Amino acid sequence: QGQLVESGGGLVQAGGSLGLSCAASGRTLNTYAMAWFRQPPGKEREFVAAINRRGVITRYADSVKGRFTISRDNGKNTVSLQMNNLKPEDTAVYYCALSTLWDGTYAGPAPYDAWGQGTQVTVSS
């Protein structure tokens, strides 16, 4: 099965925006529940956002609600995370993940059985 590849990370000032994208060759991403997680420096990996297979249900961590948006682009076979009003505490490596077995918007990592390598997002104050 194709690997997940994240792109779009980088350095941005606080208050700025970044858009992350997750792509996969050999997989049709709209047949999987998908999520974004992040791992801040020195901390555990944490949930950011999730979207179900049909893309009609989304879920967000409280820390990003109202600032981040997860979405699908079925034509491009990608899942995106639009991040607005970024804060220094959003600095982390961001990972996309998919679940081959379950549909839903799970905040824990257990249902997700394929992960990307991650992309670094750094927000300067």
PDB file of N, CA and C in Angstrom:
ATOM      1  N   GLN A   1       0.837  -1.186   0.000  1.00  0.00           N
ATOM      2  CA  GLN A   1       0.000   0.000   0.000  1.00  0.00           C
ATOM      3  C   GLN A   1       0.872   1.235   0.000  1.00  0.00           C
ATOM      4  N   GLY A   2       0.371   2.313  -0.598  1.00  0.00           N
ATOM      5  CA  GLY A   2       1.147   3.529  -0.698  1.00  0.00           C
ATOM      6  C   GLY A   2       1.347   4.205   0.631  1.00  0.00           C
ATOM      7  N   GLN A   3       2.484   4.863   0.747  1.00  0.00           N
ATOM      8  CA  GLN A   3       2.786   5.596   1.963  1.00  0.00           C
ATOM      9  C   GLN A   3       2.077   6.947   1.967  1.00  0.00           C
ATOM     10  N   LEU A   4       1.876   7.459   3.162  1.00  0.00           N
ATOM     11  CA  LEU A   4       1.336   8.809   3.323  1.00  0.00           C
ATOM     12  C   LEU A   4       2.489   9.793   3.341  1.00  0.00           C
ATOM     13  N   VAL A   5       2.327  10.892   2.644  1.00  0.00           N
ATOM     14  CA  VAL A   5       3.371  11.910   2.570  1.00  0.00           C
ATOM     15  C   VAL A   5       2.756  13.267   2.886  1.00  0.00           C
ATOM     16  N   GLU A   6       3.294  13.897   3.930  1.00  0.00           N
ATOM     17  CA  GLU A   6       2.842  15.225   4.300  1.00  0.00           C
ATOM     18  C   GLU A   6       3.700  16.284   3.617  1.00  0.00           C
ATOM     19  N   SER A   7       3.089  17.418   3.340  1.00  0.00           N
ATOM     20  CA  SER A   7       3.828  18.543   2.784  1.00  0.00           C
ATOM     21  C   SER A   7       3.201  19.840   3.277  1.00  0.00           C
ATOM     22  N   GLY A   8       3.944  20.925   3.130  1.00  0.00           N
ATOM     23  CA  GLY A   8       3.406  22.240   3.458  1.00  0.00           C
ATOM     24  C   GLY A   8       3.898  22.834   4.748  1.00  0.00           C
ATOM     25  N   GLY A   9       4.716  22.100   5.501  1.00  0.00           N
ATOM     26  CA  GLY A   9       5.242  22.658   6.731  1.00  0.00           C
ATOM     27  C   GLY A   9       6.239  23.764   6.456  1.00  0.00           C
ATOM     28  N   GLY A  10       6.637  24.444   7.528  1.00  0.00           N
ATOM     29  CA  GLY A  10       7.606  25.511   7.387  1.00  0.00           C
ATOM     30  C   GLY A  10       7.636  26.408   8.593  1.00  0.00           C
ATOM     31  N   LEU A  11       8.234  27.575   8.411  1.00  0.00           N
ATOM     32  CA  LEU A  11       8.378  28.565   9.473  1.00  0.00           C
ATOM     33  C   LEU A  11       7.424  29.712   9.197  1.00  0.00           C
ATOM     34  N   VAL A  12       6.682  30.108  10.210  1.00  0.00           N
ATOM     35  CA  VAL A  12       5.720  31.204  10.067  1.00  0.00           C
ATOM     36  C   VAL A  12       5.692  32.002  11.358  1.00  0.00           C
ATOM     37  N   GLN A  13       5.366  33.275  11.243  1.00  0.00           N
ATOM     38  CA  GLN A  13       5.232  34.100  12.425  1.00  0.00           C
ATOM     39  C   GLN A  13       3.894  33.880  13.098  1.00  0.00           C
ATOM     40  N   ALA A  14       3.853  34.125  14.377  1.00  0.00           N
ATOM     41  CA  ALA A  14       2.593  34.014  15.116  1.00  0.00           C
ATOM     42  C   ALA A  14       1.527  34.889  14.450  1.00  0.00           C
ATOM     43  N   GLY A  15       0.335  34.330  14.355  1.00  0.00           N
ATOM     44  CA  GLY A  15      -0.750  35.013  13.675  1.00  0.00           C
ATOM     45  C   GLY A  15      -0.862  34.671  12.206  1.00  0.00           C
ATOM     46  N   GLY A  16       0.135  34.012  11.675  1.00  0.00           N
ATOM     47  CA  GLY A  16       0.132  33.646  10.266  1.00  0.00           C
ATOM     48  C   GLY A  16      -0.615  32.358   9.995  1.00  0.00           C
ATOM     49  N   SER A  17      -0.546  31.906   8.740  1.00  0.00           N
ATOM     50  CA  SER A  17      -1.269  30.717   8.299  1.00  0.00           C
ATOM     51  C   SER A  17      -0.351  29.781   7.535  1.00  0.00           C
ATOM     52  N   LEU A  18      -0.675  28.512   7.606  1.00  0.00           N
ATOM     53  CA  LEU A  18      -0.019  27.478   6.807  1.00  0.00           C
ATOM     54  C   LEU A  18      -1.060  26.452   6.420  1.00  0.00           C
ATOM     55  N   GLY A  19      -0.843  25.834   5.248  1.00  0.00           N
ATOM     56  CA  GLY A  19      -1.704  24.741   4.842  1.00  0.00           C
ATOM     57  C   GLY A  19      -0.886  23.483   4.666  1.00  0.00           C
ATOM     58  N   LEU A  20      -1.269  22.425   5.348  1.00  0.00           N
ATOM     59  CA  LEU A  20      -0.612  21.136   5.208  1.00  0.00           C
ATOM     60  C   LEU A  20      -1.444  20.246   4.304  1.00  0.00           C
ATOM     61  N   SER A  21      -0.766  19.375   3.584  1.00  0.00           N
ATOM     62  CA  SER A  21      -1.446  18.434   2.701  1.00  0.00           C
ATOM     63  C   SER A  21      -0.900  17.037   2.936  1.00  0.00           C
ATOM     64  N   CYS A  22      -1.768  16.058   2.836  1.00  0.00           N
ATOM     65  CA  CYS A  22      -1.392  14.652   2.980  1.00  0.00           C
ATOM     66  C   CYS A  22      -1.814  13.924   1.712  1.00  0.00           C
ATOM     67  N   ALA A  23      -0.863  13.272   1.077  1.00  0.00           N
ATOM     68  CA  ALA A  23      -1.133  12.553  -0.162  1.00  0.00           C
ATOM     69  C   ALA A  23      -0.638  11.125  -0.046  1.00  0.00           C
ATOM     70  N   ALA A  24      -1.159  10.263  -0.910  1.00  0.00           N
ATOM     71  CA  ALA A  24      -0.709   8.878  -0.929  1.00  0.00           C
ATOM     72  C   ALA A  24      -0.873   8.314  -2.326  1.00  0.00           C
ATOM     73  N   SER A  25       0.152   7.677  -2.791  1.00  0.00           N
ATOM     74  CA  SER A  25       0.039   6.945  -4.052  1.00  0.00           C
ATOM     75  C   SER A  25      -0.434   5.538  -3.744  1.00  0.00           C
ATOM     76  N   GLY A  26      -1.290   4.995  -4.580  1.00  0.00           N
ATOM     77  CA  GLY A  26      -1.751   3.645  -4.349  1.00  0.00           C
ATOM     78  C   GLY A  26      -2.885   3.510  -3.363  1.00  0.00           C
ATOM     79  N   ARG A  27      -3.347   4.629  -2.841  1.00  0.00           N
ATOM     80  CA  ARG A  27      -4.493   4.604  -1.939  1.00  0.00           C
ATOM     81  C   ARG A  27      -5.487   5.678  -2.386  1.00  0.00           C
ATOM     82  N   THR A  28      -6.762   5.373  -2.253  1.00  0.00           N
ATOM     83  CA  THR A  28      -7.796   6.381  -2.478  1.00  0.00           C
ATOM     84  C   THR A  28      -8.213   6.881  -1.107  1.00  0.00           C
ATOM     85  N   LEU A  29      -7.783   8.072  -0.768  1.00  0.00           N
ATOM     86  CA  LEU A  29      -7.904   8.543   0.615  1.00  0.00           C
ATOM     87  C   LEU A  29      -9.349   8.743   1.059  1.00  0.00           C
ATOM     88  N   ASN A  30     -10.279   8.937   0.117  1.00  0.00           N
ATOM     89  CA  ASN A  30     -11.653   9.142   0.574  1.00  0.00           C
ATOM     90  C   ASN A  30     -12.350   7.839   0.949  1.00  0.00           C
ATOM     91  N   THR A  31     -11.619   6.745   0.982  1.00  0.00           N
ATOM     92  CA  THR A  31     -12.161   5.487   1.498  1.00  0.00           C
ATOM     93  C   THR A  31     -11.681   5.216   2.917  1.00  0.00           C
ATOM     94  N   TYR A  32     -10.974   6.169   3.500  1.00  0.00           N
ATOM     95  CA  TYR A  32     -10.442   6.001   4.849  1.00  0.00           C
ATOM     96  C   TYR A  32     -10.828   7.179   5.742  1.00  0.00           C
ATOM     97  N   ALA A  33     -11.054   6.878   7.019  1.00  0.00           N
ATOM     98  CA  ALA A  33     -11.088   7.950   8.003  1.00  0.00           C
ATOM     99  C   ALA A  33      -9.656   8.451   8.165  1.00  0.00           C
ATOM    100  N   MET A  34      -9.504   9.752   8.267  1.00  0.00           N
ATOM    101  CA  MET A  34      -8.179  10.364   8.301  1.00  0.00           C
ATOM    102  C   MET A  34      -8.065  11.295   9.495  1.00  0.00           C
ATOM    103  N   ALA A  35      -6.835  11.550   9.896  1.00  0.00           N
ATOM    104  CA  ALA A  35      -6.612  12.456  11.022  1.00  0.00           C
ATOM    105  C   ALA A  35      -5.247  13.118  10.902  1.00  0.00           C
ATOM    106  N   TRP A  36      -5.105  14.191  11.627  1.00  0.00           N
ATOM    107  CA  TRP A  36      -3.816  14.854  11.827  1.00  0.00           C
ATOM    108  C   TRP A  36      -3.478  14.801  13.318  1.00  0.00           C
ATOM    109  N   PHE A  37      -2.251  14.455  13.589  1.00  0.00           N
ATOM    110  CA  PHE A  37      -1.693  14.496  14.930  1.00  0.00           C
ATOM    111  C   PHE A  37      -0.461  15.384  14.881  1.00  0.00           C
ATOM    112  N   ARG A  38       0.034  15.765  16.038  1.00  0.00           N
ATOM    113  CA  ARG A  38       1.271  16.536  16.097  1.00  0.00           C
ATOM    114  C   ARG A  38       2.066  16.145  17.339  1.00  0.00           C
ATOM    115  N   GLN A  39       3.361  16.358  17.253  1.00  0.00           N
ATOM    116  CA  GLN A  39       4.230  16.087  18.386  1.00  0.00           C
ATOM    117  C   GLN A  39       5.091  17.315  18.637  1.00  0.00           C
ATOM    118  N   PRO A  40       4.754  18.093  19.663  1.00  0.00           N
ATOM    119  CA  PRO A  40       5.575  19.250  20.020  1.00  0.00           C
ATOM    120  C   PRO A  40       6.920  18.790  20.562  1.00  0.00           C
ATOM    121  N   PRO A  41       7.920  19.641  20.541  1.00  0.00           N
ATOM    122  CA  PRO A  41       9.235  19.249  21.042  1.00  0.00           C
ATOM    123  C   PRO A  41       9.174  18.801  22.494  1.00  0.00           C
ATOM    124  N   GLY A  42       9.703  17.630  22.771  1.00  0.00           N
ATOM    125  CA  GLY A  42       9.763  17.112  24.123  1.00  0.00           C
ATOM    126  C   GLY A  42       8.457  16.626  24.695  1.00  0.00           C
ATOM    127  N   LYS A  43       7.428  16.529  23.852  1.00  0.00           N
ATOM    128  CA  LYS A  43       6.115  16.115  24.354  1.00  0.00           C
ATOM    129  C   LYS A  43       5.608  14.904  23.595  1.00  0.00           C
ATOM    130  N   GLU A  44       4.506  14.352  24.104  1.00  0.00           N
ATOM    131  CA  GLU A  44       3.876  13.211  23.461  1.00  0.00           C
ATOM    132  C   GLU A  44       3.108  13.651  22.209  1.00  0.00           C
ATOM    133  N   ARG A  45       2.894  12.707  21.318  1.00  0.00           N
ATOM    134  CA  ARG A  45       2.061  12.976  20.146  1.00  0.00           C
ATOM    135  C   ARG A  45       0.632  13.248  20.602  1.00  0.00           C
ATOM    136  N   GLU A  46      -0.001  14.226  19.984  1.00  0.00           N
ATOM    137  CA  GLU A  46      -1.354  14.605  20.389  1.00  0.00           C
ATOM    138  C   GLU A  46      -2.263  14.781  19.181  1.00  0.00           C
ATOM    139  N   PHE A  47      -3.532  14.572  19.429  1.00  0.00           N
ATOM    140  CA  PHE A  47      -4.547  14.685  18.384  1.00  0.00           C
ATOM    141  C   PHE A  47      -4.751  16.137  17.987  1.00  0.00           C
ATOM    142  N   VAL A  48      -4.971  16.362  16.691  1.00  0.00           N
ATOM    143  CA  VAL A  48      -5.265  17.700  16.194  1.00  0.00           C
ATOM    144  C   VAL A  48      -6.660  17.757  15.567  1.00  0.00           C
ATOM    145  N   ALA A  49      -6.901  16.901  14.572  1.00  0.00           N
ATOM    146  CA  ALA A  49      -8.175  16.950  13.858  1.00  0.00           C
ATOM    147  C   ALA A  49      -8.405  15.630  13.144  1.00  0.00           C
ATOM    148  N   ALA A  50      -9.683  15.313  12.903  1.00  0.00           N
ATOM    149  CA  ALA A  50     -10.027  14.083  12.200  1.00  0.00           C
ATOM    150  C   ALA A  50     -11.226  14.328  11.304  1.00  0.00           C
ATOM    151  N   ILE A  51     -11.356  13.479  10.280  1.00  0.00           N
ATOM    152  CA  ILE A  51     -12.460  13.586   9.337  1.00  0.00           C
ATOM    153  C   ILE A  51     -12.886  12.182   8.945  1.00  0.00           C
ATOM    154  N   ASN A  52     -14.193  11.960   8.833  1.00  0.00           N
ATOM    155  CA  ASN A  52     -14.642  10.611   8.506  1.00  0.00           C
ATOM    156  C   ASN A  52     -14.528  10.360   7.002  1.00  0.00           C
ATOM    157  N   ARG A  53     -14.886   9.154   6.587  1.00  0.00           N
ATOM    158  CA  ARG A  53     -14.675   8.757   5.195  1.00  0.00           C
ATOM    159  C   ARG A  53     -15.406   9.663   4.218  1.00  0.00           C
ATOM    160  N   ARG A  54     -16.620   9.998   4.542  1.00  0.00           N
ATOM    161  CA  ARG A  54     -17.400  10.811   3.608  1.00  0.00           C
ATOM    162  C   ARG A  54     -17.065  12.290   3.705  1.00  0.00           C
ATOM    163  N   GLY A  55     -16.314  12.649   4.737  1.00  0.00           N
ATOM    164  CA  GLY A  55     -15.930  14.044   4.885  1.00  0.00           C
ATOM    165  C   GLY A  55     -17.012  14.928   5.454  1.00  0.00           C
ATOM    166  N   VAL A  56     -18.047  14.338   6.046  1.00  0.00           N
ATOM    167  CA  VAL A  56     -19.143  15.158   6.563  1.00  0.00           C
ATOM    168  C   VAL A  56     -19.058  15.365   8.062  1.00  0.00           C
ATOM    169  N   ILE A  57     -18.208  14.596   8.725  1.00  0.00           N
ATOM    170  CA  ILE A  57     -18.034  14.743  10.170  1.00  0.00           C
ATOM    171  C   ILE A  57     -16.570  15.053  10.446  1.00  0.00           C
ATOM    172  N   THR A  58     -16.348  16.088  11.219  1.00  0.00           N
ATOM    173  CA  THR A  58     -14.997  16.461  11.616  1.00  0.00           C
ATOM    174  C   THR A  58     -14.934  16.624  13.128  1.00  0.00           C
ATOM    175  N   ARG A  59     -13.715  16.559  13.639  1.00  0.00           N
ATOM    176  CA  ARG A  59     -13.500  16.684  15.079  1.00  0.00           C
ATOM    177  C   ARG A  59     -12.178  17.392  15.276  1.00  0.00           C
ATOM    178  N   TYR A  60     -12.115  18.244  16.285  1.00  0.00           N
ATOM    179  CA  TYR A  60     -10.915  19.024  16.537  1.00  0.00           C
ATOM    180  C   TYR A  60     -10.532  18.982  18.008  1.00  0.00           C
ATOM    181  N   ALA A  61      -9.245  19.079  18.246  1.00  0.00           N
ATOM    182  CA  ALA A  61      -8.777  19.311  19.605  1.00  0.00           C
ATOM    183  C   ALA A  61      -9.224  20.704  20.033  1.00  0.00           C
ATOM    184  N   ASP A  62      -9.510  20.855  21.311  1.00  0.00           N
ATOM    185  CA  ASP A  62      -9.958  22.158  21.813  1.00  0.00           C
ATOM    186  C   ASP A  62      -8.936  23.249  21.526  1.00  0.00           C
ATOM    187  N   SER A  63      -7.673  22.892  21.530  1.00  0.00           N
ATOM    188  CA  SER A  63      -6.611  23.884  21.366  1.00  0.00           C
ATOM    189  C   SER A  63      -6.560  24.479  19.962  1.00  0.00           C
ATOM    190  N   VAL A  64      -7.183  23.809  18.977  1.00  0.00           N
ATOM    191  CA  VAL A  64      -7.124  24.306  17.605  1.00  0.00           C
ATOM    192  C   VAL A  64      -8.501  24.660  17.047  1.00  0.00           C
ATOM    193  N   LYS A  65      -9.532  24.384  17.812  1.00  0.00           N
ATOM    194  CA  LYS A  65     -10.894  24.617  17.343  1.00  0.00           C
ATOM    195  C   LYS A  65     -11.082  26.094  16.989  1.00  0.00           C
ATOM    196  N   GLY A  66     -11.657  26.330  15.821  1.00  0.00           N
ATOM    197  CA  GLY A  66     -11.873  27.695  15.353  1.00  0.00           C
ATOM    198  C   GLY A  66     -10.704  28.269  14.596  1.00  0.00           C
ATOM    199  N   ARG A  67      -9.544  27.613  14.643  1.00  0.00           N
ATOM    200  CA  ARG A  67      -8.354  28.097  13.929  1.00  0.00           C
ATOM    201  C   ARG A  67      -7.933  27.152  12.808  1.00  0.00           C
ATOM    202  N   PHE A  68      -8.126  25.852  13.012  1.00  0.00           N
ATOM    203  CA  PHE A  68      -7.701  24.842  12.037  1.00  0.00           C
ATOM    204  C   PHE A  68      -8.921  24.240  11.353  1.00  0.00           C
ATOM    205  N   THR A  69      -8.736  23.838  10.101  1.00  0.00           N
ATOM    206  CA  THR A  69      -9.799  23.178   9.352  1.00  0.00           C
ATOM    207  C   THR A  69      -9.234  21.985   8.606  1.00  0.00           C
ATOM    208  N   ILE A  70      -9.833  20.824   8.825  1.00  0.00           N
ATOM    209  CA  ILE A  70      -9.455  19.618   8.089  1.00  0.00           C
ATOM    210  C   ILE A  70     -10.457  19.427   6.959  1.00  0.00           C
ATOM    211  N   SER A  71      -9.961  19.016   5.801  1.00  0.00           N
ATOM    212  CA  SER A  71     -10.851  18.847   4.657  1.00  0.00           C
ATOM    213  C   SER A  71     -10.263  17.837   3.687  1.00  0.00           C
ATOM    214  N   ARG A  72     -11.130  17.370   2.800  1.00  0.00           N
ATOM    215  CA  ARG A  72     -10.697  16.441   1.755  1.00  0.00           C
ATOM    216  C   ARG A  72     -10.785  17.122   0.390  1.00  0.00           C
ATOM    217  N   ASP A  73      -9.888  16.763  -0.489  1.00  0.00           N
ATOM    218  CA  ASP A  73      -9.989  17.123  -1.899  1.00  0.00           C
ATOM    219  C   ASP A  73      -9.937  15.814  -2.673  1.00  0.00           C
ATOM    220  N   ASN A  74     -11.106  15.272  -2.963  1.00  0.00           N
ATOM    221  CA  ASN A  74     -11.146  13.954  -3.592  1.00  0.00           C
ATOM    222  C   ASN A  74     -10.539  13.978  -4.999  1.00  0.00           C
ATOM    223  N   GLY A  75     -10.648  15.100  -5.679  1.00  0.00           N
ATOM    224  CA  GLY A  75     -10.070  15.190  -7.019  1.00  0.00           C
ATOM    225  C   GLY A  75      -8.553  15.067  -6.999  1.00  0.00           C
ATOM    226  N   LYS A  76      -7.950  15.606  -5.942  1.00  0.00           N
ATOM    227  CA  LYS A  76      -6.493  15.541  -5.813  1.00  0.00           C
ATOM    228  C   LYS A  76      -6.050  14.373  -4.944  1.00  0.00           C
ATOM    229  N   ASN A  77      -7.028  13.659  -4.377  1.00  0.00           N
ATOM    230  CA  ASN A  77      -6.712  12.544  -3.478  1.00  0.00           C
ATOM    231  C   ASN A  77      -5.823  13.005  -2.323  1.00  0.00           C
ATOM    232  N   THR A  78      -6.226  14.072  -1.681  1.00  0.00           N
ATOM    233  CA  THR A  78      -5.471  14.605  -0.558  1.00  0.00           C
ATOM    234  C   THR A  78      -6.395  14.934   0.606  1.00  0.00           C
ATOM    235  N   VAL A  79      -5.810  15.027   1.769  1.00  0.00           N
ATOM    236  CA  VAL A  79      -6.478  15.550   2.947  1.00  0.00           C
ATOM    237  C   VAL A  79      -5.627  16.708   3.451  1.00  0.00           C
ATOM    238  N   SER A  80      -6.266  17.806   3.739  1.00  0.00           N
ATOM    239  CA  SER A  80      -5.541  19.017   4.090  1.00  0.00           C
ATOM    240  C   SER A  80      -5.858  19.469   5.502  1.00  0.00           C
ATOM    241  N   LEU A  81      -4.942  20.252   6.032  1.00  0.00           N
ATOM    242  CA  LEU A  81      -5.148  20.904   7.318  1.00  0.00           C
ATOM    243  C   LEU A  81      -4.779  22.372   7.134  1.00  0.00           C
ATOM    244  N   GLN A  82      -5.779  23.222   7.110  1.00  0.00           N
ATOM    245  CA  GLN A  82      -5.545  24.656   7.017  1.00  0.00           C
ATOM    246  C   GLN A  82      -5.424  25.212   8.421  1.00  0.00           C
ATOM    247  N   MET A  83      -4.300  25.870   8.675  1.00  0.00           N
ATOM    248  CA  MET A  83      -4.005  26.364  10.018  1.00  0.00           C
ATOM    249  C   MET A  83      -3.907  27.883   9.975  1.00  0.00           C
ATOM    250  N   ASN A  84      -4.808  28.545  10.683  1.00  0.00           N
ATOM    251  CA  ASN A  84      -4.833  30.000  10.736  1.00  0.00           C
ATOM    252  C   ASN A  84      -4.548  30.489  12.147  1.00  0.00           C
ATOM    253  N   ASN A  85      -4.174  31.747  12.240  1.00  0.00           N
ATOM    254  CA  ASN A  85      -3.891  32.358  13.544  1.00  0.00           C
ATOM    255  C   ASN A  85      -2.961  31.467  14.368  1.00  0.00           C
ATOM    256  N   LEU A  86      -1.876  31.065  13.769  1.00  0.00           N
ATOM    257  CA  LEU A  86      -0.946  30.148  14.414  1.00  0.00           C
ATOM    258  C   LEU A  86      -0.295  30.784  15.631  1.00  0.00           C
ATOM    259  N   LYS A  87      -0.022  29.940  16.610  1.00  0.00           N
ATOM    260  CA  LYS A  87       0.580  30.363  17.863  1.00  0.00           C
ATOM    261  C   LYS A  87       1.892  29.597  18.060  1.00  0.00           C
ATOM    262  N   PRO A  88       2.812  30.150  18.837  1.00  0.00           N
ATOM    263  CA  PRO A  88       4.071  29.424  19.084  1.00  0.00           C
ATOM    264  C   PRO A  88       3.839  28.018  19.629  1.00  0.00           C
ATOM    265  N   GLU A  89       2.795  27.828  20.398  1.00  0.00           N
ATOM    266  CA  GLU A  89       2.516  26.497  20.946  1.00  0.00           C
ATOM    267  C   GLU A  89       2.021  25.505  19.898  1.00  0.00           C
ATOM    268  N   ASP A  90       1.783  25.964  18.677  1.00  0.00           N
ATOM    269  CA  ASP A  90       1.448  25.050  17.583  1.00  0.00           C
ATOM    270  C   ASP A  90       2.704  24.437  16.956  1.00  0.00           C
ATOM    271  N   THR A  91       3.865  24.895  17.380  1.00  0.00           N
ATOM    272  CA  THR A  91       5.112  24.340  16.860  1.00  0.00           C
ATOM    273  C   THR A  91       5.192  22.849  17.166  1.00  0.00           C
ATOM    274  N   ALA A  92       5.390  22.058  16.126  1.00  0.00           N
ATOM    275  CA  ALA A  92       5.398  20.603  16.276  1.00  0.00           C
ATOM    276  C   ALA A  92       5.712  19.957  14.928  1.00  0.00           C
ATOM    277  N   VAL A  93       5.974  18.667  14.988  1.00  0.00           N
ATOM    278  CA  VAL A  93       5.963  17.856  13.772  1.00  0.00           C
ATOM    279  C   VAL A  93       4.529  17.355  13.583  1.00  0.00           C
ATOM    280  N   TYR A  94       3.979  17.591  12.425  1.00  0.00           N
ATOM    281  CA  TYR A  94       2.595  17.225  12.126  1.00  0.00           C
ATOM    282  C   TYR A  94       2.568  15.962  11.268  1.00  0.00           C
ATOM    283  N   TYR A  95       1.719  15.031  11.678  1.00  0.00           N
ATOM    284  CA  TYR A  95       1.589  13.743  11.002  1.00  0.00           C
ATOM    285  C   TYR A  95       0.154  13.535  10.518  1.00  0.00           C
ATOM    286  N   CYS A  96       0.005  12.990   9.322  1.00  0.00           N
ATOM    287  CA  CYS A  96      -1.317  12.528   8.925  1.00  0.00           C
ATOM    288  C   CYS A  96      -1.380  11.018   9.127  1.00  0.00           C
ATOM    289  N   ALA A  97      -2.592  10.545   9.324  1.00  0.00           N
ATOM    290  CA  ALA A  97      -2.802   9.133   9.614  1.00  0.00           C
ATOM    291  C   ALA A  97      -4.129   8.700   9.029  1.00  0.00           C
ATOM    292  N   LEU A  98      -4.233   7.419   8.728  1.00  0.00           N
ATOM    293  CA  LEU A  98      -5.502   6.885   8.244  1.00  0.00           C
ATOM    294  C   LEU A  98      -5.833   5.581   8.939  1.00  0.00           C
ATOM    295  N   SER A  99      -7.120   5.274   8.921  1.00  0.00           N
ATOM    296  CA  SER A  99      -7.604   4.037   9.520  1.00  0.00           C
ATOM    297  C   SER A  99      -8.155   3.138   8.415  1.00  0.00           C
ATOM    298  N   THR A 100      -7.600   1.945   8.295  1.00  0.00           N
ATOM    299  CA  THR A 100      -8.081   1.011   7.275  1.00  0.00           C
ATOM    300  C   THR A 100      -9.293   0.222   7.744  1.00  0.00           C
ATOM    301  N   LEU A 101      -9.560   0.251   9.054  1.00  0.00           N
ATOM    302  CA  LEU A 101     -10.625  -0.606   9.600  1.00  0.00           C
ATOM    303  C   LEU A 101     -11.851   0.166  10.070  1.00  0.00           C
ATOM    304  N   TRP A 102     -11.640   1.368  10.568  1.00  0.00           N
ATOM    305  CA  TRP A 102     -12.712   2.064  11.253  1.00  0.00           C
ATOM    306  C   TRP A 102     -13.080   3.352  10.529  1.00  0.00           C
ATOM    307  N   ASP A 103     -14.367   3.679  10.566  1.00  0.00           N
ATOM    308  CA  ASP A 103     -14.817   4.974  10.098  1.00  0.00           C
ATOM    309  C   ASP A 103     -15.212   5.794  11.302  1.00  0.00           C
ATOM    310  N   GLY A 104     -14.892   7.060  11.302  1.00  0.00           N
ATOM    311  CA  GLY A 104     -15.220   7.902  12.440  1.00  0.00           C
ATOM    312  C   GLY A 104     -14.192   8.987  12.599  1.00  0.00           C
ATOM    313  N   THR A 105     -14.273   9.701  13.712  1.00  0.00           N
ATOM    314  CA  THR A 105     -13.351  10.798  14.005  1.00  0.00           C
ATOM    315  C   THR A 105     -12.731  10.547  15.369  1.00  0.00           C
ATOM    316  N   TYR A 106     -11.794   9.650  15.417  1.00  0.00           N
ATOM    317  CA  TYR A 106     -11.196   9.217  16.667  1.00  0.00           C
ATOM    318  C   TYR A 106     -10.051  10.124  17.072  1.00  0.00           C
ATOM    319  N   ALA A 107     -10.025  10.471  18.358  1.00  0.00           N
ATOM    320  CA  ALA A 107      -8.974  11.356  18.852  1.00  0.00           C
ATOM    321  C   ALA A 107      -7.759  10.589  19.356  1.00  0.00           C
ATOM    322  N   GLY A 108      -7.910   9.310  19.601  1.00  0.00           N
ATOM    323  CA  GLY A 108      -6.768   8.518  20.028  1.00  0.00           C
ATOM    324  C   GLY A 108      -6.043   7.937  18.838  1.00  0.00           C
ATOM    325  N   PRO A 109      -4.788   7.565  18.997  1.00  0.00           N
ATOM    326  CA  PRO A 109      -4.006   7.047  17.865  1.00  0.00           C
ATOM    327  C   PRO A 109      -4.312   5.605  17.489  1.00  0.00           C
ATOM    328  N   ALA A 110      -4.942   4.848  18.383  1.00  0.00           N
ATOM    329  CA  ALA A 110      -5.076   3.407  18.167  1.00  0.00           C
ATOM    330  C   ALA A 110      -5.798   3.013  16.874  1.00  0.00           C
ATOM    331  N   PRO A 111      -6.876   3.695  16.459  1.00  0.00           N
ATOM    332  CA  PRO A 111      -7.579   3.255  15.239  1.00  0.00           C
ATOM    333  C   PRO A 111      -6.799   3.496  13.951  1.00  0.00           C
ATOM    334  N   TYR A 112      -5.733   4.294  14.024  1.00  0.00           N
ATOM    335  CA  TYR A 112      -5.010   4.691  12.820  1.00  0.00           C
ATOM    336  C   TYR A 112      -3.815   3.758  12.628  1.00  0.00           C
ATOM    337  N   ASP A 113      -3.784   3.115  11.480  1.00  0.00           N
ATOM    338  CA  ASP A 113      -2.752   2.105  11.276  1.00  0.00           C
ATOM    339  C   ASP A 113      -1.802   2.415  10.134  1.00  0.00           C
ATOM    340  N   ALA A 114      -1.881   3.615   9.591  1.00  0.00           N
ATOM    341  CA  ALA A 114      -0.884   4.062   8.617  1.00  0.00           C
ATOM    342  C   ALA A 114      -0.579   5.519   8.909  1.00  0.00           C
ATOM    343  N   TRP A 115       0.693   5.839   8.935  1.00  0.00           N
ATOM    344  CA  TRP A 115       1.146   7.171   9.324  1.00  0.00           C
ATOM    345  C   TRP A 115       2.172   7.689   8.324  1.00  0.00           C
ATOM    346  N   GLY A 116       2.167   9.001   8.159  1.00  0.00           N
ATOM    347  CA  GLY A 116       3.209   9.625   7.364  1.00  0.00           C
ATOM    348  C   GLY A 116       4.459   9.848   8.189  1.00  0.00           C
ATOM    349  N   GLN A 117       5.475  10.416   7.543  1.00  0.00           N
ATOM    350  CA  GLN A 117       6.752  10.661   8.204  1.00  0.00           C
ATOM    351  C   GLN A 117       6.766  11.979   8.961  1.00  0.00           C
ATOM    352  N   GLY A 118       5.817  12.830   8.689  1.00  0.00           N
ATOM    353  CA  GLY A 118       5.718  14.079   9.421  1.00  0.00           C
ATOM    354  C   GLY A 118       6.313  15.254   8.676  1.00  0.00           C
ATOM    355  N   THR A 119       5.804  16.442   8.999  1.00  0.00           N
ATOM    356  CA  THR A 119       6.330  17.684   8.448  1.00  0.00           C
ATOM    357  C   THR A 119       6.429  18.703   9.582  1.00  0.00           C
ATOM    358  N   GLN A 120       7.534  19.423   9.613  1.00  0.00           N
ATOM    359  CA  GLN A 120       7.789  20.347  10.708  1.00  0.00           C
ATOM    360  C   GLN A 120       7.054  21.668  10.496  1.00  0.00           C
ATOM    361  N   VAL A 121       6.384  22.120  11.536  1.00  0.00           N
ATOM    362  CA  VAL A 121       5.763  23.443  11.563  1.00  0.00           C
ATOM    363  C   VAL A 121       6.374  24.203  12.735  1.00  0.00           C
ATOM    364  N   THR A 122       6.941  25.350  12.438  1.00  0.00           N
ATOM    365  CA  THR A 122       7.552  26.178  13.474  1.00  0.00           C
ATOM    366  C   THR A 122       6.909  27.556  13.440  1.00  0.00           C
ATOM    367  N   VAL A 123       6.398  27.972  14.591  1.00  0.00           N
ATOM    368  CA  VAL A 123       5.735  29.271  14.694  1.00  0.00           C
ATOM    369  C   VAL A 123       6.574  30.150  15.616  1.00  0.00           C
ATOM    370  N   SER A 124       7.073  31.236  15.083  1.00  0.00           N
ATOM    371  CA  SER A 124       7.908  32.138  15.870  1.00  0.00           C
ATOM    372  C   SER A 124       7.045  33.228  16.506  1.00  0.00           C
ATOM    373  N   SER A 125       7.487  33.664  17.673  1.00  0.00           N
ATOM    374  CA  SER A 125       6.717  34.686  18.400  1.00  0.00           C
ATOM    375  C   SER A 125       7.145  36.080  18.001  1.00  0.00           C
TER     376      SER A 125
END
